[in-house]
C-alpha cells in the first residue's frame, strides 16, 4: 500500500554535470554521438529527472514496490556545460490508481534547461519480474 501519494508532493535533486553525462559519452554503441559538443546529453537530463521522481516516490511505496517510467514528454531547451550544477524539481500533479503524473523542470546555474511532464506506474517488483520471465519463455 502506498502512503502520502497525493498531488502536491514535490522533490528536488541537484548534481554536477560530469564528462560521463555529456553527449559524446552517452554510449560507444552509437557512433553519431562521438563528435558532438561536450554538453549535457538530453538522455542524461531525462534520466536525472526520472531519478528525481523515483527518489520522491520511494518513501511512499510499500516494500516490494517500485515505479517505472511509462511516458516522457520533456523539452530540452538550453545547453548546459561540463561542470555546471543542474537541479531537477518534480511535482506530483495527478494520481490515478497506480499511475502517477509529474510536472518536471530542470535548471542549470543560469536558466531553465528543460521542462515537461513525466508519468510513472507503481508496480509490484516480484510480480513484474515473473511476468517478464514468462514473456521471455515464450520466445
Protein backbone atom coordinates (compact mmCIF):
# COMPACT_ATOMS: atom_id res chain seq x y z
CA UNK A 1 0.00 0.00 0.00
CA UNK A 2 1.29 3.44 -0.88
CA UNK A 3 1.14 6.25 1.62
CA UNK A 4 1.06 10.00 1.12
CA UNK A 5 0.83 9.96 -2.66
CA UNK A 6 -1.35 12.96 -3.28
CA UNK A 7 -0.97 15.77 -5.78
CA UNK A 8 1.33 18.45 -4.46
CA UNK A 9 4.18 16.13 -3.41
CA UNK A 10 7.44 17.78 -4.51
CA UNK A 11 11.08 16.78 -4.61
CA UNK A 12 14.31 18.38 -5.77
CA UNK A 13 17.74 16.94 -6.58
CA UNK A 14 20.95 18.55 -7.83
CA UNK A 15 24.08 17.21 -9.49
CA UNK A 16 27.21 18.44 -11.21
CA UNK A 17 27.48 17.63 -14.91
CA UNK A 18 30.45 15.29 -15.33
CA UNK A 19 32.01 14.15 -18.60
CA UNK A 20 30.03 10.88 -18.40
CA UNK A 21 26.80 12.96 -18.62
CA UNK A 22 27.75 14.66 -21.90
CA UNK A 23 26.62 13.85 -25.43
CA UNK A 24 29.87 12.21 -26.67
CA UNK A 25 29.78 9.83 -23.70
CA UNK A 26 26.14 8.64 -23.92
CA UNK A 27 27.28 5.26 -25.27
CA UNK A 28 30.06 3.96 -27.51
CA UNK A 29 27.41 1.88 -29.32
CA UNK A 30 26.14 4.91 -31.27
CA UNK A 31 28.92 6.50 -33.29
CA UNK A 32 26.82 9.55 -34.13
CA UNK A 33 27.34 10.95 -30.63
CA UNK A 34 31.15 10.73 -30.69
CA UNK A 35 31.90 14.10 -32.31
CA UNK A 36 29.09 16.09 -30.71
CA UNK A 37 29.70 19.02 -28.31
CA UNK A 38 30.69 18.30 -24.73
CA UNK A 39 27.33 19.40 -23.20
CA UNK A 40 24.72 17.71 -21.03
CA UNK A 41 23.01 14.99 -23.08
CA UNK A 42 19.23 15.08 -23.34
CA UNK A 43 19.15 11.39 -22.38
CA UNK A 44 21.07 12.16 -19.20
CA UNK A 45 18.81 15.10 -18.31
CA UNK A 46 15.75 12.89 -18.75
CA UNK A 47 17.37 10.13 -16.68
CA UNK A 48 18.19 12.62 -13.95
CA UNK A 49 14.58 13.85 -13.93
CA UNK A 50 13.33 10.25 -13.75
CA UNK A 51 15.69 9.55 -10.84
CA UNK A 52 14.35 12.62 -9.03
CA UNK A 53 10.81 11.23 -9.43
CA UNK A 54 11.96 7.82 -8.17
CA UNK A 55 13.51 9.38 -5.08
CA UNK A 56 10.34 11.44 -4.47
CA UNK A 57 8.22 8.29 -4.52
CA UNK A 58 10.47 5.84 -2.68
CA UNK A 59 9.46 6.80 0.90
CA UNK A 60 5.79 6.35 -0.03
CA UNK A 61 5.98 2.87 -1.56
CA UNK A 62 5.38 -0.40 0.23
CA UNK A 63 8.16 -2.98 0.47
CA UNK A 64 8.42 -4.82 -2.85
CA UNK A 65 7.05 -1.91 -4.87
CA UNK A 66 8.87 0.42 -7.22
CA UNK A 67 7.88 2.76 -10.02
CA UNK A 68 8.62 2.53 -13.72
CA UNK A 69 8.58 5.33 -16.26
CA UNK A 70 5.77 4.92 -18.77
CA UNK A 71 5.81 8.26 -20.61
CA UNK A 72 8.19 11.18 -21.01
CA UNK A 73 7.27 14.50 -22.60
CA UNK A 74 10.20 16.79 -21.81
CA UNK A 75 11.73 19.57 -23.89
CA UNK A 76 15.48 20.20 -23.62
CA UNK A 77 15.57 23.93 -24.32
CA UNK A 78 19.09 25.10 -23.44
CA UNK A 79 22.60 23.62 -23.38
CA UNK A 80 24.50 23.02 -20.14
CA UNK A 81 28.29 22.95 -19.94
CA UNK A 82 30.50 20.40 -18.28
CA UNK A 83 30.96 21.27 -14.58
CA UNK A 84 27.67 23.15 -14.21
CA UNK A 85 25.19 22.23 -11.49
CA UNK A 86 21.73 21.17 -12.60
CA UNK A 87 18.66 20.91 -10.41
CA UNK A 88 15.54 18.91 -11.17
CA UNK A 89 12.28 19.90 -9.49
CA UNK A 90 9.36 17.48 -9.73
CA UNK A 91 5.77 17.87 -8.56
CA UNK A 92 3.20 15.09 -8.46
CA UNK A 93 0.15 16.56 -10.19
CA UNK A 94 -2.11 13.53 -10.70
CA UNK A 95 -2.71 10.15 -9.09
CA UNK A 96 -4.96 7.70 -10.92
CA UNK A 97 -4.75 4.34 -9.18
CA UNK A 98 -1.17 3.20 -9.63
CA UNK A 99 -0.46 5.72 -12.42
CA UNK A 100 1.20 8.99 -11.46
CA UNK A 101 1.91 12.17 -13.40
CA UNK A 102 4.62 14.71 -12.60
CA UNK A 103 5.28 18.25 -13.77
CA UNK A 104 9.05 18.45 -14.15
CA UNK A 105 11.61 21.20 -14.62
CA UNK A 106 15.37 21.25 -14.80
CA UNK A 107 17.59 24.33 -14.33
CA UNK A 108 21.32 24.85 -14.59
CA UNK A 109 23.35 27.62 -12.94
CA UNK A 110 21.84 30.18 -15.33
CA UNK A 111 18.37 29.28 -16.54
CA UNK A 112 15.67 26.75 -17.27
CA UNK A 113 17.11 23.95 -19.44
CA UNK A 114 14.20 21.50 -19.58
CA UNK A 115 10.54 21.16 -18.71
CA UNK A 116 7.55 18.94 -19.30
CA UNK A 117 5.59 16.01 -17.92
CA UNK A 118 6.55 12.52 -16.84
CA UNK A 119 4.29 9.58 -15.99
CA UNK A 120 5.19 6.60 -13.85
CA UNK A 121 3.40 3.43 -12.76
CA UNK A 122 3.75 1.78 -9.38
CA UNK A 123 4.45 -1.93 -9.72
CA UNK A 124 4.94 -4.99 -7.57
CA UNK A 125 8.55 -5.80 -8.48
CA UNK A 126 8.33 -9.56 -7.95
CA UNK A 127 5.13 -9.90 -9.99
CA UNK A 128 6.62 -7.71 -12.75
CA UNK A 129 9.76 -9.84 -12.95
CA UNK A 130 7.66 -13.03 -13.02
CA UNK A 131 5.68 -11.69 -15.99
CA UNK A 132 8.89 -10.71 -17.72
CA UNK A 133 10.29 -14.22 -17.29
CA UNK A 134 7.07 -15.69 -18.68
CA UNK A 135 7.37 -13.38 -21.69
CA UNK A 136 10.98 -14.50 -22.27
CA UNK A 137 9.96 -18.15 -22.09
CA UNK A 138 7.53 -17.62 -24.99
CA UNK A 139 10.38 -16.68 -27.34
